């Protein structure tokens, strides 16, 4: 699958994971190499009825993000974290980021 197909697959997995009415979704995903291992962490929340709640992403959704990370355009460095957002109309955004992600940076402070 190419990047567009993987993004669409991820959106479908996110929608499948949401069991309650929602207006907006936010997902923070980090996959960063450190000391010869990959450190993967994420948060996933939705807003509905005026409250913000966490929800569980499926392993399949996380696998899609890991595969998406491998599908970088040639001559571009691999992103290390992404901020995903989607509103109830279906409009979504993948904001790819580079460098040491915030959760990993926090862990490094204590190493």
PDB file of N, CA and C in Angstrom:
ATOM      1  N   UNK A   1       0.833  -1.189   0.000  1.00  0.00           N
ATOM      2  CA  UNK A   1       0.000   0.000   0.000  1.00  0.00           C
ATOM      3  C   UNK A   1       0.874   1.247   0.000  1.00  0.00           C
ATOM      4  N   UNK A   2       0.402   2.287  -0.660  1.00  0.00           N
ATOM      5  CA  UNK A   2       1.129   3.552  -0.628  1.00  0.00           C
ATOM      6  C   UNK A   2       0.661   4.380   0.581  1.00  0.00           C
ATOM      7  N   UNK A   3       1.247   5.558   0.759  1.00  0.00           N
ATOM      8  CA  UNK A   3       0.948   6.386   1.932  1.00  0.00           C
ATOM      9  C   UNK A   3      -0.531   6.754   2.030  1.00  0.00           C
ATOM     10  N   UNK A   4      -1.136   7.120   0.922  1.00  0.00           N
ATOM     11  CA  UNK A   4      -2.549   7.527   0.931  1.00  0.00           C
ATOM     12  C   UNK A   4      -3.435   6.358   1.345  1.00  0.00           C
ATOM     13  N   UNK A   5      -3.162   5.172   0.813  1.00  0.00           N
ATOM     14  CA  UNK A   5      -3.947   3.988   1.169  1.00  0.00           C
ATOM     15  C   UNK A   5      -3.756   3.626   2.644  1.00  0.00           C
ATOM     16  N   UNK A   6      -2.532   3.745   3.135  1.00  0.00           N
ATOM     17  CA  UNK A   6      -2.275   3.458   4.545  1.00  0.00           C
ATOM     18  C   UNK A   6      -2.964   4.470   5.463  1.00  0.00           C
ATOM     19  N   UNK A   7      -2.950   5.729   5.079  1.00  0.00           N
ATOM     20  CA  UNK A   7      -3.643   6.737   5.873  1.00  0.00           C
ATOM     21  C   UNK A   7      -5.140   6.431   5.923  1.00  0.00           C
ATOM     22  N   UNK A   8      -5.727   6.095   4.778  1.00  0.00           N
ATOM     23  CA  UNK A   8      -7.157   5.759   4.725  1.00  0.00           C
ATOM     24  C   UNK A   8      -7.452   4.518   5.570  1.00  0.00           C
ATOM     25  N   UNK A   9      -6.576   3.530   5.529  1.00  0.00           N
ATOM     26  CA  UNK A   9      -6.755   2.320   6.336  1.00  0.00           C
ATOM     27  C   UNK A   9      -6.711   2.666   7.823  1.00  0.00           C
ATOM     28  N   UNK A  10      -5.804   3.560   8.207  1.00  0.00           N
ATOM     29  CA  UNK A  10      -5.716   3.969   9.601  1.00  0.00           C
ATOM     30  C   UNK A  10      -6.996   4.673  10.039  1.00  0.00           C
ATOM     31  N   UNK A  11      -7.507   5.570   9.207  1.00  0.00           N
ATOM     32  CA  UNK A  11      -8.746   6.284   9.540  1.00  0.00           C
ATOM     33  C   UNK A  11      -9.875   5.280   9.770  1.00  0.00           C
ATOM     34  N   UNK A  12      -9.986   4.276   8.920  1.00  0.00           N
ATOM     35  CA  UNK A  12     -11.034   3.255   9.092  1.00  0.00           C
ATOM     36  C   UNK A  12     -10.866   2.528  10.429  1.00  0.00           C
ATOM     37  N   UNK A  13      -9.628   2.191  10.786  1.00  0.00           N
ATOM     38  CA  UNK A  13      -9.372   1.492  12.054  1.00  0.00           C
ATOM     39  C   UNK A  13      -9.736   2.375  13.252  1.00  0.00           C
ATOM     40  N   UNK A  14      -9.455   3.660  13.154  1.00  0.00           N
ATOM     41  CA  UNK A  14      -9.794   4.583  14.237  1.00  0.00           C
ATOM     42  C   UNK A  14     -11.306   4.652  14.403  1.00  0.00           C
ATOM     43  N   UNK A  15     -12.021   4.817  13.311  1.00  0.00           N
ATOM     44  CA  UNK A  15     -13.483   4.913  13.382  1.00  0.00           C
ATOM     45  C   UNK A  15     -14.076   3.632  13.966  1.00  0.00           C
ATOM     46  N   UNK A  16     -13.519   2.490  13.603  1.00  0.00           N
ATOM     47  CA  UNK A  16     -13.999   1.213  14.151  1.00  0.00           C
ATOM     48  C   UNK A  16     -13.784   1.132  15.662  1.00  0.00           C
ATOM     49  N   UNK A  17     -12.734   1.775  16.164  1.00  0.00           N
ATOM     50  CA  UNK A  17     -12.403   1.711  17.592  1.00  0.00           C
ATOM     51  C   UNK A  17     -13.305   2.596  18.452  1.00  0.00           C
ATOM     52  N   UNK A  18     -13.945   3.563  17.856  1.00  0.00           N
ATOM     53  CA  UNK A  18     -14.769   4.509  18.617  1.00  0.00           C
ATOM     54  C   UNK A  18     -16.155   3.913  18.851  1.00  0.00           C
ATOM     55  N   UNK A  19     -16.487   3.720  20.112  1.00  0.00           N
ATOM     56  CA  UNK A  19     -17.761   3.090  20.466  1.00  0.00           C
ATOM     57  C   UNK A  19     -18.810   4.098  20.928  1.00  0.00           C
ATOM     58  N   UNK A  20     -18.386   5.284  21.302  1.00  0.00           N
ATOM     59  CA  UNK A  20     -19.305   6.307  21.809  1.00  0.00           C
ATOM     60  C   UNK A  20     -19.406   7.441  20.791  1.00  0.00           C
ATOM     61  N   UNK A  21     -20.469   8.243  20.869  1.00  0.00           N
ATOM     62  CA  UNK A  21     -20.567   9.416  19.976  1.00  0.00           C
ATOM     63  C   UNK A  21     -19.365  10.340  20.183  1.00  0.00           C
ATOM     64  N   UNK A  22     -18.866  10.907  19.100  1.00  0.00           N
ATOM     65  CA  UNK A  22     -17.671  11.737  19.184  1.00  0.00           C
ATOM     66  C   UNK A  22     -17.770  12.903  18.199  1.00  0.00           C
ATOM     67  N   UNK A  23     -17.037  13.981  18.523  1.00  0.00           N
ATOM     68  CA  UNK A  23     -16.937  15.148  17.655  1.00  0.00           C
ATOM     69  C   UNK A  23     -15.528  15.293  17.087  1.00  0.00           C
ATOM     70  N   UNK A  24     -14.521  14.862  17.858  1.00  0.00           N
ATOM     71  CA  UNK A  24     -13.137  15.019  17.418  1.00  0.00           C
ATOM     72  C   UNK A  24     -12.280  13.903  18.023  1.00  0.00           C
ATOM     73  N   UNK A  25     -11.226  13.556  17.291  1.00  0.00           N
ATOM     74  CA  UNK A  25     -10.279  12.520  17.714  1.00  0.00           C
ATOM     75  C   UNK A  25      -8.875  13.097  17.630  1.00  0.00           C
ATOM     76  N   UNK A  26      -8.036  12.760  18.624  1.00  0.00           N
ATOM     77  CA  UNK A  26      -6.627  13.149  18.603  1.00  0.00           C
ATOM     78  C   UNK A  26      -5.786  11.930  18.974  1.00  0.00           C
ATOM     79  N   UNK A  27      -4.739  11.696  18.185  1.00  0.00           N
ATOM     80  CA  UNK A  27      -3.838  10.579  18.458  1.00  0.00           C
ATOM     81  C   UNK A  27      -2.405  11.085  18.348  1.00  0.00           C
ATOM     82  N   UNK A  28      -1.622  10.751  19.341  1.00  0.00           N
ATOM     83  CA  UNK A  28      -0.196  11.066  19.362  1.00  0.00           C
ATOM     84  C   UNK A  28       0.515   9.723  19.333  1.00  0.00           C
ATOM     85  N   UNK A  29       1.376   9.502  18.335  1.00  0.00           N
ATOM     86  CA  UNK A  29       2.067   8.224  18.171  1.00  0.00           C
ATOM     87  C   UNK A  29       3.556   8.478  17.979  1.00  0.00           C
ATOM     88  N   UNK A  30       4.369   7.788  18.770  1.00  0.00           N
ATOM     89  CA  UNK A  30       5.822   7.875  18.659  1.00  0.00           C
ATOM     90  C   UNK A  30       6.385   6.496  18.362  1.00  0.00           C
ATOM     91  N   UNK A  31       7.351   6.437  17.464  1.00  0.00           N
ATOM     92  CA  UNK A  31       8.072   5.205  17.152  1.00  0.00           C
ATOM     93  C   UNK A  31       9.505   5.636  16.870  1.00  0.00           C
ATOM     94  N   UNK A  32      10.360   5.503  17.883  1.00  0.00           N
ATOM     95  CA  UNK A  32      11.683   6.105  17.844  1.00  0.00           C
ATOM     96  C   UNK A  32      12.761   5.076  18.178  1.00  0.00           C
ATOM     97  N   UNK A  33      13.843   5.023  17.386  1.00  0.00           N
ATOM     98  CA  UNK A  33      14.939   4.099  17.709  1.00  0.00           C
ATOM     99  C   UNK A  33      15.808   4.677  18.833  1.00  0.00           C
ATOM    100  N   UNK A  34      16.080   3.837  19.828  1.00  0.00           N
ATOM    101  CA  UNK A  34      16.903   4.266  20.951  1.00  0.00           C
ATOM    102  C   UNK A  34      17.620   3.046  21.507  1.00  0.00           C
ATOM    103  N   UNK A  35      18.944   3.133  21.587  1.00  0.00           N
ATOM    104  CA  UNK A  35      19.761   2.041  22.123  1.00  0.00           C
ATOM    105  C   UNK A  35      19.510   0.711  21.402  1.00  0.00           C
ATOM    106  N   UNK A  36      19.358   0.767  20.090  1.00  0.00           N
ATOM    107  CA  UNK A  36      19.192  -0.442  19.301  1.00  0.00           C
ATOM    108  C   UNK A  36      17.798  -1.042  19.319  1.00  0.00           C
ATOM    109  N   UNK A  37      16.861  -0.388  19.986  1.00  0.00           N
ATOM    110  CA  UNK A  37      15.473  -0.864  20.033  1.00  0.00           C
ATOM    111  C   UNK A  37      14.536   0.259  19.627  1.00  0.00           C
ATOM    112  N   UNK A  38      13.354  -0.108  19.165  1.00  0.00           N
ATOM    113  CA  UNK A  38      12.342   0.890  18.834  1.00  0.00           C
ATOM    114  C   UNK A  38      11.457   1.097  20.052  1.00  0.00           C
ATOM    115  N   UNK A  39      11.217   2.349  20.367  1.00  0.00           N
ATOM    116  CA  UNK A  39      10.331   2.700  21.467  1.00  0.00           C
ATOM    117  C   UNK A  39       9.041   3.242  20.864  1.00  0.00           C
ATOM    118  N   UNK A  40       7.965   2.545  21.151  1.00  0.00           N
ATOM    119  CA  UNK A  40       6.665   2.885  20.567  1.00  0.00           C
ATOM    120  C   UNK A  40       5.702   3.238  21.697  1.00  0.00           C
ATOM    121  N   UNK A  41       5.088   4.395  21.585  1.00  0.00           N
ATOM    122  CA  UNK A  41       4.134   4.853  22.596  1.00  0.00           C
ATOM    123  C   UNK A  41       3.076   5.695  21.890  1.00  0.00           C
ATOM    124  N   UNK A  42       1.863   5.670  22.430  1.00  0.00           N
ATOM    125  CA  UNK A  42       0.816   6.492  21.830  1.00  0.00           C
ATOM    126  C   UNK A  42      -0.225   6.870  22.872  1.00  0.00           C
ATOM    127  N   UNK A  43      -0.954   7.921  22.577  1.00  0.00           N
ATOM    128  CA  UNK A  43      -2.156   8.287  23.320  1.00  0.00           C
ATOM    129  C   UNK A  43      -3.260   8.482  22.296  1.00  0.00           C
ATOM    130  N   UNK A  44      -4.460   8.126  22.661  1.00  0.00           N
ATOM    131  CA  UNK A  44      -5.599   8.288  21.754  1.00  0.00           C
ATOM    132  C   UNK A  44      -6.797   8.768  22.561  1.00  0.00           C
ATOM    133  N   UNK A  45      -7.340   9.902  22.160  1.00  0.00           N
ATOM    134  CA  UNK A  45      -8.480  10.490  22.868  1.00  0.00           C
ATOM    135  C   UNK A  45      -9.537  10.930  21.865  1.00  0.00           C
ATOM    136  N   UNK A  46     -10.768  11.004  22.376  1.00  0.00           N
ATOM    137  CA  UNK A  46     -11.847  11.572  21.576  1.00  0.00           C
ATOM    138  C   UNK A  46     -12.622  12.543  22.448  1.00  0.00           C
ATOM    139  N   UNK A  47     -13.254  13.499  21.788  1.00  0.00           N
ATOM    140  CA  UNK A  47     -14.111  14.451  22.478  1.00  0.00           C
ATOM    141  C   UNK A  47     -15.540  14.176  22.062  1.00  0.00           C
ATOM    142  N   UNK A  48     -16.403  14.083  23.050  1.00  0.00           N
ATOM    143  CA  UNK A  48     -17.820  13.863  22.785  1.00  0.00           C
ATOM    144  C   UNK A  48     -18.637  14.303  23.984  1.00  0.00           C
ATOM    145  N   UNK A  49     -19.765  14.897  23.741  1.00  0.00           N
ATOM    146  CA  UNK A  49     -20.645  15.380  24.807  1.00  0.00           C
ATOM    147  C   UNK A  49     -19.913  16.269  25.811  1.00  0.00           C
ATOM    148  N   UNK A  50     -18.990  17.077  25.318  1.00  0.00           N
ATOM    149  CA  UNK A  50     -18.288  18.040  26.158  1.00  0.00           C
ATOM    150  C   UNK A  50     -17.185  17.465  27.033  1.00  0.00           C
ATOM    151  N   UNK A  51     -16.860  16.192  26.872  1.00  0.00           N
ATOM    152  CA  UNK A  51     -15.788  15.590  27.661  1.00  0.00           C
ATOM    153  C   UNK A  51     -14.749  14.965  26.740  1.00  0.00           C
ATOM    154  N   UNK A  52     -13.537  14.855  27.263  1.00  0.00           N
ATOM    155  CA  UNK A  52     -12.444  14.226  26.526  1.00  0.00           C
ATOM    156  C   UNK A  52     -12.156  12.894  27.202  1.00  0.00           C
ATOM    157  N   UNK A  53     -12.126  11.809  26.413  1.00  0.00           N
ATOM    158  CA  UNK A  53     -11.898  10.475  26.961  1.00  0.00           C
ATOM    159  C   UNK A  53     -10.860   9.738  26.127  1.00  0.00           C
ATOM    160  N   UNK A  54     -10.169   8.821  26.788  1.00  0.00           N
ATOM    161  CA  UNK A  54      -9.225   7.961  26.084  1.00  0.00           C
ATOM    162  C   UNK A  54      -9.983   6.795  25.455  1.00  0.00           C
ATOM    163  N   UNK A  55      -9.424   6.258  24.370  1.00  0.00           N
ATOM    164  CA  UNK A  55      -9.952   5.023  23.796  1.00  0.00           C
ATOM    165  C   UNK A  55      -8.776   4.185  23.344  1.00  0.00           C
ATOM    166  N   UNK A  56      -9.017   2.895  23.155  1.00  0.00           N
ATOM    167  CA  UNK A  56      -7.947   1.964  22.793  1.00  0.00           C
ATOM    168  C   UNK A  56      -7.879   1.807  21.286  1.00  0.00           C
ATOM    169  N   UNK A  57      -6.701   2.014  20.761  1.00  0.00           N
ATOM    170  CA  UNK A  57      -6.455   1.699  19.362  1.00  0.00           C
ATOM    171  C   UNK A  57      -6.230   0.203  19.236  1.00  0.00           C
ATOM    172  N   UNK A  58      -6.677  -0.370  18.159  1.00  0.00           N
ATOM    173  CA  UNK A  58      -6.434  -1.790  17.932  1.00  0.00           C
ATOM    174  C   UNK A  58      -4.977  -1.999  17.534  1.00  0.00           C
ATOM    175  N   UNK A  59      -4.505  -3.221  17.706  1.00  0.00           N
ATOM    176  CA  UNK A  59      -3.152  -3.547  17.260  1.00  0.00           C
ATOM    177  C   UNK A  59      -3.029  -3.346  15.754  1.00  0.00           C
ATOM    178  N   UNK A  60      -4.111  -3.615  15.025  1.00  0.00           N
ATOM    179  CA  UNK A  60      -4.089  -3.413  13.576  1.00  0.00           C
ATOM    180  C   UNK A  60      -3.871  -1.943  13.225  1.00  0.00           C
ATOM    181  N   UNK A  61      -4.478  -1.031  13.989  1.00  0.00           N
ATOM    182  CA  UNK A  61      -4.292   0.404  13.743  1.00  0.00           C
ATOM    183  C   UNK A  61      -2.848   0.806  14.008  1.00  0.00           C
ATOM    184  N   UNK A  62      -2.280   0.284  15.091  1.00  0.00           N
ATOM    185  CA  UNK A  62      -0.888   0.591  15.419  1.00  0.00           C
ATOM    186  C   UNK A  62       0.043   0.017  14.352  1.00  0.00           C
ATOM    187  N   UNK A  63      -0.267  -1.178  13.869  1.00  0.00           N
ATOM    188  CA  UNK A  63       0.527  -1.777  12.788  1.00  0.00           C
ATOM    189  C   UNK A  63       0.488  -0.920  11.531  1.00  0.00           C
ATOM    190  N   UNK A  64      -0.671  -0.326  11.233  1.00  0.00           N
ATOM    191  CA  UNK A  64      -0.786   0.549  10.062  1.00  0.00           C
ATOM    192  C   UNK A  64       0.127   1.761  10.233  1.00  0.00           C
ATOM    193  N   UNK A  65       0.173   2.336  11.436  1.00  0.00           N
ATOM    194  CA  UNK A  65       1.068   3.478  11.672  1.00  0.00           C
ATOM    195  C   UNK A  65       2.528   3.080  11.499  1.00  0.00           C
ATOM    196  N   UNK A  66       2.900   1.910  12.005  1.00  0.00           N
ATOM    197  CA  UNK A  66       4.283   1.446  11.848  1.00  0.00           C
ATOM    198  C   UNK A  66       4.615   1.242  10.373  1.00  0.00           C
ATOM    199  N   UNK A  67       3.667   0.714   9.609  1.00  0.00           N
ATOM    200  CA  UNK A  67       3.885   0.528   8.168  1.00  0.00           C
ATOM    201  C   UNK A  67       3.942   1.886   7.459  1.00  0.00           C
ATOM    202  N   UNK A  68       3.118   2.799   7.885  1.00  0.00           N
ATOM    203  CA  UNK A  68       3.118   4.149   7.303  1.00  0.00           C
ATOM    204  C   UNK A  68       4.466   4.824   7.507  1.00  0.00           C
ATOM    205  N   UNK A  69       5.083   4.584   8.644  1.00  0.00           N
ATOM    206  CA  UNK A  69       6.392   5.175   8.920  1.00  0.00           C
ATOM    207  C   UNK A  69       7.446   4.676   7.927  1.00  0.00           C
ATOM    208  N   UNK A  70       7.300   3.449   7.459  1.00  0.00           N
ATOM    209  CA  UNK A  70       8.255   2.873   6.504  1.00  0.00           C
ATOM    210  C   UNK A  70       8.052   3.415   5.086  1.00  0.00           C
ATOM    211  N   UNK A  71       6.893   4.001   4.802  1.00  0.00           N
ATOM    212  CA  UNK A  71       6.555   4.454   3.452  1.00  0.00           C
ATOM    213  C   UNK A  71       6.918   5.914   3.206  1.00  0.00           C
ATOM    214  N   UNK A  72       8.064   6.323   3.670  1.00  0.00           N
ATOM    215  CA  UNK A  72       8.481   7.720   3.488  1.00  0.00           C
ATOM    216  C   UNK A  72       8.901   7.958   2.038  1.00  0.00           C
ATOM    217  N   UNK A  73       8.686   9.159   1.550  1.00  0.00           N
ATOM    218  CA  UNK A  73       9.176   9.485   0.208  1.00  0.00           C
ATOM    219  C   UNK A  73      10.701   9.378   0.155  1.00  0.00           C
ATOM    220  N   UNK A  74      11.217   9.017  -1.003  1.00  0.00           N
ATOM    221  CA  UNK A  74      12.664   8.909  -1.160  1.00  0.00           C
ATOM    222  C   UNK A  74      13.317  10.244  -0.844  1.00  0.00           C
ATOM    223  N   UNK A  75      14.503  10.213  -0.311  1.00  0.00           N
ATOM    224  CA  UNK A  75      15.309  11.374   0.066  1.00  0.00           C
ATOM    225  C   UNK A  75      14.729  12.135   1.263  1.00  0.00           C
ATOM    226  N   UNK A  76      13.730  11.595   1.904  1.00  0.00           N
ATOM    227  CA  UNK A  76      13.174  12.232   3.095  1.00  0.00           C
ATOM    228  C   UNK A  76      13.516  11.361   4.294  1.00  0.00           C
ATOM    229  N   UNK A  77      13.856  11.996   5.411  1.00  0.00           N
ATOM    230  CA  UNK A  77      14.160  11.216   6.596  1.00  0.00           C
ATOM    231  C   UNK A  77      12.876  10.607   7.167  1.00  0.00           C
ATOM    232  N   UNK A  78      13.041   9.554   7.942  1.00  0.00           N
ATOM    233  CA  UNK A  78      11.903   8.872   8.555  1.00  0.00           C
ATOM    234  C   UNK A  78      11.337   9.737   9.680  1.00  0.00           C
ATOM    235  N   UNK A  79      10.026   9.935   9.681  1.00  0.00           N
ATOM    236  CA  UNK A  79       9.428  10.669  10.794  1.00  0.00           C
ATOM    237  C   UNK A  79       9.499   9.800  12.046  1.00  0.00           C
ATOM    238  N   UNK A  80       9.522  10.440  13.211  1.00  0.00           N
ATOM    239  CA  UNK A  80       9.636   9.713  14.463  1.00  0.00           C
ATOM    240  C   UNK A  80       8.377   9.810  15.317  1.00  0.00           C
ATOM    241  N   UNK A  81       7.509  10.754  14.972  1.00  0.00           N
ATOM    242  CA  UNK A  81       6.223  10.839  15.656  1.00  0.00           C
ATOM    243  C   UNK A  81       5.222  11.566  14.785  1.00  0.00           C
ATOM    244  N   UNK A  82       3.957  11.319  15.078  1.00  0.00           N
ATOM    245  CA  UNK A  82       2.885  11.913  14.287  1.00  0.00           C
ATOM    246  C   UNK A  82       1.755  12.336  15.221  1.00  0.00           C
ATOM    247  N   UNK A  83       1.176  13.471  14.880  1.00  0.00           N
ATOM    248  CA  UNK A  83      -0.037  13.946  15.542  1.00  0.00           C
ATOM    249  C   UNK A  83      -1.163  13.776  14.519  1.00  0.00           C
ATOM    250  N   UNK A  84      -2.156  12.983  14.874  1.00  0.00           N
ATOM    251  CA  UNK A  84      -3.301  12.744  14.000  1.00  0.00           C
ATOM    252  C   UNK A  84      -4.520  13.389  14.635  1.00  0.00           C
ATOM    253  N   UNK A  85      -5.307  14.059  13.805  1.00  0.00           N
ATOM    254  CA  UNK A  85      -6.565  14.632  14.286  1.00  0.00           C
ATOM    255  C   UNK A  85      -7.641  14.413  13.230  1.00  0.00           C
ATOM    256  N   UNK A  86      -8.873  14.292  13.712  1.00  0.00           N
ATOM    257  CA  UNK A  86     -10.005  14.101  12.804  1.00  0.00           C
ATOM    258  C   UNK A  86     -11.245  14.702  13.453  1.00  0.00           C
ATOM    259  N   UNK A  87     -12.041  15.378  12.645  1.00  0.00           N
ATOM    260  CA  UNK A  87     -13.298  15.888  13.170  1.00  0.00           C
ATOM    261  C   UNK A  87     -14.444  15.002  12.683  1.00  0.00           C
ATOM    262  N   UNK A  88     -15.627  15.257  13.224  1.00  0.00           N
ATOM    263  CA  UNK A  88     -16.767  14.379  12.946  1.00  0.00           C
ATOM    264  C   UNK A  88     -17.197  14.393  11.472  1.00  0.00           C
ATOM    265  N   UNK A  89     -16.826  15.433  10.741  1.00  0.00           N
ATOM    266  CA  UNK A  89     -17.171  15.488   9.313  1.00  0.00           C
ATOM    267  C   UNK A  89     -16.313  14.532   8.487  1.00  0.00           C
ATOM    268  N   UNK A  90     -15.248  14.000   9.112  1.00  0.00           N
ATOM    269  CA  UNK A  90     -14.341  13.100   8.401  1.00  0.00           C
ATOM    270  C   UNK A  90     -13.059  13.769   7.945  1.00  0.00           C
ATOM    271  N   UNK A  91     -12.944  15.069   8.152  1.00  0.00           N
ATOM    272  CA  UNK A  91     -11.713  15.777   7.793  1.00  0.00           C
ATOM    273  C   UNK A  91     -10.616  15.356   8.769  1.00  0.00           C
ATOM    274  N   UNK A  92      -9.484  14.931   8.218  1.00  0.00           N
ATOM    275  CA  UNK A  92      -8.400  14.472   9.076  1.00  0.00           C
ATOM    276  C   UNK A  92      -7.068  15.041   8.629  1.00  0.00           C
ATOM    277  N   UNK A  93      -6.086  14.977   9.554  1.00  0.00           N
ATOM    278  CA  UNK A  93      -4.760  15.520   9.299  1.00  0.00           C
ATOM    279  C   UNK A  93      -3.718  14.636   9.970  1.00  0.00           C
ATOM    280  N   UNK A  94      -2.678  14.296   9.229  1.00  0.00           N
ATOM    281  CA  UNK A  94      -1.498  13.629   9.765  1.00  0.00           C
ATOM    282  C   UNK A  94      -0.384  14.674   9.786  1.00  0.00           C
ATOM    283  N   UNK A  95       0.097  15.029  10.951  1.00  0.00           N
ATOM    284  CA  UNK A  95       1.186  15.994  11.069  1.00  0.00           C
ATOM    285  C   UNK A  95       2.440  15.231  11.491  1.00  0.00           C
ATOM    286  N   UNK A  96       3.313  14.961  10.523  1.00  0.00           N
ATOM    287  CA  UNK A  96       4.517  14.167  10.769  1.00  0.00           C
ATOM    288  C   UNK A  96       5.603  15.052  11.373  1.00  0.00           C
ATOM    289  N   UNK A  97       6.303  14.510  12.366  1.00  0.00           N
ATOM    290  CA  UNK A  97       7.324  15.269  13.077  1.00  0.00           C
ATOM    291  C   UNK A  97       8.626  14.473  13.092  1.00  0.00           C
ATOM    292  N   UNK A  98       9.715  15.178  13.347  1.00  0.00           N
ATOM    293  CA  UNK A  98      11.051  14.589  13.261  1.00  0.00           C
ATOM    294  C   UNK A  98      11.842  14.909  14.519  1.00  0.00           C
ATOM    295  N   UNK A  99      12.866  14.125  14.770  1.00  0.00           N
ATOM    296  CA  UNK A  99      13.689  14.330  15.946  1.00  0.00           C
ATOM    297  C   UNK A  99      13.199  13.488  17.111  1.00  0.00           C
ATOM    298  N   UNK A 100      13.688  13.821  18.297  1.00  0.00           N
ATOM    299  CA  UNK A 100      13.325  13.060  19.493  1.00  0.00           C
ATOM    300  C   UNK A 100      11.904  13.449  19.909  1.00  0.00           C
ATOM    301  N   UNK A 101      11.001  12.479  19.964  1.00  0.00           N
ATOM    302  CA  UNK A 101       9.613  12.780  20.347  1.00  0.00           C
ATOM    303  C   UNK A 101       9.497  13.114  21.840  1.00  0.00           C
ATOM    304  N   UNK A 102       8.432  13.783  22.239  1.00  0.00           N
ATOM    305  CA  UNK A 102       8.316  14.259  23.623  1.00  0.00           C
ATOM    306  C   UNK A 102       8.317  13.166  24.694  1.00  0.00           C
ATOM    307  N   UNK A 103       7.606  12.053  24.502  1.00  0.00           N
ATOM    308  CA  UNK A 103       7.588  11.002  25.532  1.00  0.00           C
ATOM    309  C   UNK A 103       8.962  10.355  25.669  1.00  0.00           C
ATOM    310  N   UNK A 104       9.636  10.117  24.555  1.00  0.00           N
ATOM    311  CA  UNK A 104      10.985   9.550  24.599  1.00  0.00           C
ATOM    312  C   UNK A 104      11.938  10.541  25.250  1.00  0.00           C
ATOM    313  N   UNK A 105      11.807  11.825  24.923  1.00  0.00           N
ATOM    314  CA  UNK A 105      12.664  12.851  25.522  1.00  0.00           C
ATOM    315  C   UNK A 105      12.493  12.864  27.044  1.00  0.00           C
ATOM    316  N   UNK A 106      11.285  12.684  27.508  1.00  0.00           N
ATOM    317  CA  UNK A 106      11.027  12.632  28.944  1.00  0.00           C
ATOM    318  C   UNK A 106      11.720  11.429  29.577  1.00  0.00           C
ATOM    319  N   UNK A 107      11.671  10.276  28.906  1.00  0.00           N
ATOM    320  CA  UNK A 107      12.348   9.082  29.410  1.00  0.00           C
ATOM    321  C   UNK A 107      13.869   9.281  29.456  1.00  0.00           C
ATOM    322  N   UNK A 108      14.406   9.962  28.451  1.00  0.00           N
ATOM    323  CA  UNK A 108      15.853  10.191  28.388  1.00  0.00           C
ATOM    324  C   UNK A 108      16.350  11.032  29.562  1.00  0.00           C
ATOM    325  N   UNK A 109      15.500  11.871  30.065  1.00  0.00           N
ATOM    326  CA  UNK A 109      15.893  12.714  31.217  1.00  0.00           C
ATOM    327  C   UNK A 109      16.268  11.865  32.422  1.00  0.00           C
ATOM    328  N   UNK A 110      15.704  10.663  32.515  1.00  0.00           N
ATOM    329  CA  UNK A 110      15.928   9.810  33.690  1.00  0.00           C
ATOM    330  C   UNK A 110      16.886   8.673  33.429  1.00  0.00           C
ATOM    331  N   UNK A 111      17.531   8.659  32.288  1.00  0.00           N
ATOM    332  CA  UNK A 111      18.479   7.587  31.959  1.00  0.00           C
ATOM    333  C   UNK A 111      19.879   7.977  32.371  1.00  0.00           C
TER     334      UNK A 111
END
